[in-house]
Amino acid sequence: MLKIDDPIELSELHRAILEAKFHPFPTDANTAGSPVLAGVADRVYDELSSKQDKRSADIASFKDMRRIKGANGFRGQWRTAVMAARRDETMSSASQEERLSMAKCYLSPFDCTEGELRAFLDDVDGKTGLHDIEKLFKDNSFSSAQLIDAAYSFAKQQAHIVFMLKDMRVCDIYFSGVKKLSFDCGGELPDLVMLKKFTVNSGKTQKLDAAFSSDTGKITLFVEADSTDCWI
């Protein structure tokens, strides 16, 4: 039996599990909702929690980190898990009780109330979120927004763009059915990438054409896709 007592090793294992479960484009799509991995993720976090300093402030802080909904809203892993669950063909045919159980697996090791699990399923069913990128940019100020992350998979025809707006809100945009994509950043994404100008269109396809500035020069991004899912 494998037993890990070292807090540093446990922390690294926890990080690796989160990376596997909440990667926007995992190599193995079944990882995100695996009940077995969900159980392991919970046990690892429980063990980490037991090794924290027993001062109440530290324990309270550690417990708060495990909540799926923090002070600024749902954590970014929520949205990644939603998109993973949407690709789960068994989700639509499952009973409501089974769907709640599956939702809990997708969000493990985070703690969720039953209301949050139901909200998660509403997101999976497309009842929430915004699906019009033109309206997203019209209703929110993206002036000088910071590009936090950009990931894509040509094999899956999907892209994931993350912005931080000037008011510190985080915006996730998922593109599905990507028809065209170009992203020129000259290598790895720099630490500070600011949106300078953009055009968006929500006609027959969803399009984003954006130019950014960074300390290494100009960065351009163009995406054309069948649909978008946006959350702020």
Protein backbone atom coordinates (compact mmCIF):
# COMPACT_ATOMS: atom_id res chain seq x y z
CA MET A 1 0.00 0.00 0.00
CA LEU A 2 1.29 3.43 -0.98
CA LYS A 3 1.42 5.88 1.92
CA ILE A 4 2.57 9.46 1.57
CA ASP A 5 3.21 11.46 4.75
CA ASP A 6 5.44 14.24 3.50
CA PRO A 7 3.33 17.43 3.14
CA ILE A 8 5.44 18.61 0.19
CA GLU A 9 4.90 15.33 -1.68
CA LEU A 10 1.17 15.49 -0.90
CA SER A 11 1.02 19.07 -2.17
CA GLU A 12 2.74 18.11 -5.42
CA LEU A 13 0.39 15.15 -5.88
CA HIS A 14 -2.56 17.48 -5.27
CA ARG A 15 -1.26 19.87 -7.95
CA ALA A 16 -0.80 17.02 -10.42
CA ILE A 17 -4.34 15.76 -9.84
CA LEU A 18 -5.80 19.24 -10.37
CA GLU A 19 -3.82 19.55 -13.59
CA ALA A 20 -5.15 16.22 -14.82
CA LYS A 21 -8.77 16.87 -13.82
CA PHE A 22 -9.09 20.49 -14.91
CA HIS A 23 -6.91 20.76 -18.00
CA PRO A 24 -8.97 22.46 -20.76
CA PHE A 25 -7.91 19.85 -23.33
CA PRO A 26 -6.90 16.64 -21.52
CA THR A 27 -5.26 13.78 -23.38
CA ASP A 28 -7.71 11.38 -21.70
CA ALA A 29 -11.20 12.91 -21.66
CA ASN A 30 -12.39 10.40 -19.05
CA THR A 31 -10.02 11.75 -16.41
CA ALA A 32 -12.12 14.81 -15.52
CA GLY A 33 -15.19 12.90 -14.37
CA SER A 34 -13.60 9.68 -13.15
CA PRO A 35 -15.21 8.61 -9.83
CA VAL A 36 -12.00 6.79 -8.87
CA LEU A 37 -9.81 9.85 -9.42
CA ALA A 38 -12.41 12.02 -7.67
CA GLY A 39 -12.11 9.79 -4.61
CA VAL A 40 -8.31 9.95 -4.69
CA ALA A 41 -8.44 13.74 -5.08
CA ASP A 42 -10.66 14.03 -2.00
CA ARG A 43 -8.42 11.77 0.08
CA VAL A 44 -5.27 13.68 -0.89
CA TYR A 45 -6.84 17.00 0.08
CA ASP A 46 -8.17 15.52 3.34
CA GLU A 47 -4.66 14.33 4.18
CA LEU A 48 -3.18 17.73 3.32
CA SER A 49 -5.78 19.39 5.55
CA SER A 50 -4.92 17.13 8.49
CA LYS A 51 -1.28 18.19 8.26
CA GLN A 52 -1.99 21.93 8.37
CA ASP A 53 -1.08 24.04 11.36
CA LYS A 54 -3.84 23.48 13.90
CA ARG A 55 -4.36 27.20 14.51
CA SER A 56 -8.00 27.94 13.69
CA ALA A 57 -7.16 30.76 11.25
CA ASP A 58 -4.99 28.43 9.16
CA ILE A 59 -7.61 25.69 9.17
CA ALA A 60 -10.35 28.12 8.16
CA SER A 61 -8.20 29.47 5.32
CA PHE A 62 -7.41 25.97 4.06
CA LYS A 63 -11.09 25.00 4.14
CA ASP A 64 -12.02 28.17 2.24
CA MET A 65 -9.54 27.26 -0.51
CA ARG A 66 -11.47 24.04 -1.01
CA ARG A 67 -14.80 25.77 -1.59
CA ILE A 68 -15.72 25.83 -5.29
CA LYS A 69 -17.17 29.31 -4.81
CA GLY A 70 -14.79 31.87 -3.38
CA ALA A 71 -15.24 35.54 -2.50
CA ASN A 72 -15.06 36.50 -6.19
CA GLY A 73 -17.42 33.81 -7.47
CA PHE A 74 -16.88 30.32 -8.83
CA ARG A 75 -13.28 29.29 -9.28
CA GLY A 76 -11.88 28.88 -12.79
CA GLN A 77 -11.98 25.08 -12.43
CA TRP A 78 -15.79 25.33 -12.44
CA ARG A 79 -15.87 26.44 -16.06
CA THR A 80 -13.32 23.89 -17.23
CA ALA A 81 -15.33 21.15 -15.52
CA VAL A 82 -18.53 22.39 -17.20
CA MET A 83 -16.98 22.06 -20.64
CA ALA A 84 -15.60 18.60 -19.80
CA ALA A 85 -19.03 17.45 -18.59
CA ARG A 86 -20.65 18.72 -21.78
CA ARG A 87 -18.46 16.34 -23.73
CA ASP A 88 -19.63 13.43 -21.54
CA GLU A 89 -22.19 11.56 -23.66
CA THR A 90 -23.53 9.68 -20.63
CA MET A 91 -24.51 12.89 -18.83
CA SER A 92 -27.64 13.60 -20.90
CA SER A 93 -29.14 10.12 -20.47
CA ALA A 94 -28.44 9.82 -16.72
CA SER A 95 -31.09 10.31 -14.05
CA GLN A 96 -31.08 13.52 -12.01
CA GLU A 97 -29.60 11.67 -9.03
CA GLU A 98 -26.87 10.20 -11.23
CA ARG A 99 -26.18 13.61 -12.77
CA LEU A 100 -25.70 15.17 -9.33
CA SER A 101 -23.27 12.39 -8.43
CA MET A 102 -21.40 12.91 -11.71
CA ALA A 103 -21.27 16.67 -11.09
CA LYS A 104 -19.66 16.04 -7.72
CA CYS A 105 -17.00 13.89 -9.40
CA TYR A 106 -16.25 16.56 -12.00
CA LEU A 107 -15.80 19.19 -9.28
CA SER A 108 -13.82 17.04 -6.82
CA PRO A 109 -11.85 17.80 -4.66
CA PHE A 110 -13.77 21.06 -4.24
CA ASP A 111 -16.64 21.19 -1.74
CA CYS A 112 -20.04 22.07 -3.21
CA THR A 113 -23.52 22.55 -1.84
CA GLU A 114 -26.39 20.73 -3.54
CA GLY A 115 -27.52 24.09 -4.93
CA GLU A 116 -24.09 24.60 -6.50
CA LEU A 117 -24.20 21.12 -8.01
CA ARG A 118 -27.59 21.93 -9.56
CA ALA A 119 -26.19 25.23 -10.85
CA PHE A 120 -23.31 23.26 -12.36
CA LEU A 121 -25.78 21.02 -14.22
CA ASP A 122 -27.62 24.12 -15.49
CA ASP A 123 -24.31 25.34 -16.90
CA VAL A 124 -23.69 21.94 -18.48
CA ASP A 125 -27.13 22.12 -20.09
CA GLY A 126 -26.37 25.57 -21.50
CA LYS A 127 -29.04 27.32 -19.42
CA THR A 128 -26.55 29.87 -18.10
CA GLY A 129 -23.56 31.70 -19.44
CA LEU A 130 -23.50 33.86 -22.56
CA HIS A 131 -23.36 32.40 -26.07
CA ASP A 132 -22.99 35.61 -28.08
CA ILE A 133 -19.44 36.98 -28.12
CA GLU A 134 -20.53 40.28 -29.67
CA LYS A 135 -22.93 40.89 -26.79
CA LEU A 136 -20.23 39.90 -24.29
CA PHE A 137 -17.85 42.59 -25.54
CA LYS A 138 -20.65 45.15 -25.93
CA ASP A 139 -21.97 44.73 -22.38
CA ASN A 140 -18.56 44.68 -20.67
CA SER A 141 -15.51 46.91 -20.90
CA PHE A 142 -12.61 44.99 -22.42
CA SER A 143 -10.46 48.11 -22.81
CA SER A 144 -6.90 47.22 -21.72
CA ALA A 145 -8.03 43.78 -20.54
CA GLN A 146 -5.17 41.43 -19.72
CA LEU A 147 -4.82 38.14 -21.59
CA ILE A 148 -4.27 35.55 -18.87
CA ASP A 149 -4.22 32.37 -20.92
CA ALA A 150 -4.83 31.03 -24.41
CA ALA A 151 -5.09 27.31 -25.09
CA TYR A 152 -6.37 25.40 -28.08
CA SER A 153 -6.67 21.94 -29.56
CA PHE A 154 -6.83 21.55 -33.31
CA ALA A 155 -7.77 17.89 -32.91
CA LYS A 156 -10.79 18.76 -30.76
CA GLN A 157 -11.54 22.00 -32.66
CA GLN A 158 -11.71 23.93 -29.39
CA ALA A 159 -10.05 27.01 -27.93
CA HIS A 160 -10.08 28.60 -24.47
CA ILE A 161 -9.24 32.26 -23.92
CA VAL A 162 -9.05 33.87 -20.47
CA PHE A 163 -9.12 37.64 -19.85
CA MET A 164 -8.86 39.70 -16.69
CA LEU A 165 -10.85 42.91 -17.05
CA LYS A 166 -9.77 46.23 -15.51
CA ASP A 167 -12.34 45.76 -12.73
CA MET A 168 -10.53 42.48 -11.84
CA ARG A 169 -13.30 40.21 -13.12
CA VAL A 170 -12.09 37.09 -14.95
CA CYS A 171 -13.71 36.21 -18.27
CA ASP A 172 -13.53 32.72 -19.78
CA ILE A 173 -14.38 32.27 -23.46
CA TYR A 174 -14.66 28.74 -24.86
CA PHE A 175 -14.83 28.32 -28.62
CA SER A 176 -16.28 25.08 -30.00
CA GLY A 177 -16.22 23.91 -33.61
CA VAL A 178 -13.20 26.09 -34.39
CA LYS A 179 -12.93 26.72 -38.13
CA LYS A 180 -9.97 29.08 -38.18
CA LEU A 181 -7.43 29.98 -35.53
CA SER A 182 -4.20 31.94 -35.56
CA PHE A 183 -2.23 32.98 -32.51
CA ASP A 184 1.12 34.69 -32.88
CA CYS A 185 2.90 35.44 -29.61
CA GLY A 186 6.45 34.58 -30.66
CA GLY A 187 6.80 31.68 -28.23
CA GLU A 188 5.53 31.44 -24.67
CA LEU A 189 2.88 33.89 -23.52
CA PRO A 190 4.57 36.84 -21.72
CA ASP A 191 3.54 37.78 -18.19
CA LEU A 192 1.79 41.03 -19.15
CA VAL A 193 -0.29 41.01 -22.34
CA MET A 194 -2.79 43.86 -22.75
CA LEU A 195 -5.68 44.02 -25.23
CA LYS A 196 -5.29 47.07 -27.48
CA LYS A 197 -7.92 46.66 -30.18
CA PHE A 198 -10.45 44.07 -31.28
CA THR A 199 -13.38 43.30 -33.52
CA VAL A 200 -16.03 40.71 -32.71
CA ASN A 201 -18.86 39.22 -34.74
CA SER A 202 -21.74 36.91 -33.88
CA GLY A 203 -23.23 36.26 -37.30
CA LYS A 204 -23.30 32.75 -38.73
CA THR A 205 -20.07 32.14 -36.85
CA GLN A 206 -18.50 33.61 -33.72
CA LYS A 207 -15.36 35.62 -34.48
CA LEU A 208 -12.73 37.38 -32.40
CA ASP A 209 -9.92 39.35 -34.03
CA ALA A 210 -7.65 40.92 -31.41
CA ALA A 211 -4.33 42.71 -31.13
CA PHE A 212 -2.31 42.86 -27.91
CA SER A 213 0.82 44.57 -26.69
CA SER A 214 3.46 43.11 -24.38
CA ASP A 215 7.03 43.81 -23.34
CA THR A 216 8.15 41.57 -26.20
CA GLY A 217 6.11 43.27 -28.91
CA LYS A 218 2.79 42.77 -30.66
CA ILE A 219 0.61 39.68 -30.30
CA THR A 220 -2.32 38.82 -32.56
CA LEU A 221 -5.20 36.41 -32.14
CA PHE A 222 -7.95 35.39 -34.55
CA VAL A 223 -10.61 32.78 -33.83
CA GLU A 224 -13.62 31.76 -35.90
CA ALA A 225 -15.89 29.06 -34.46
CA ASP A 226 -19.39 27.63 -34.60
CA SER A 227 -20.25 28.58 -31.02
CA THR A 228 -18.98 30.20 -27.83
CA ASP A 229 -19.60 29.79 -24.12
CA CYS A 230 -18.65 32.83 -22.07
CA TRP A 231 -18.60 33.42 -18.32
CA ILE A 232 -17.53 36.38 -16.22
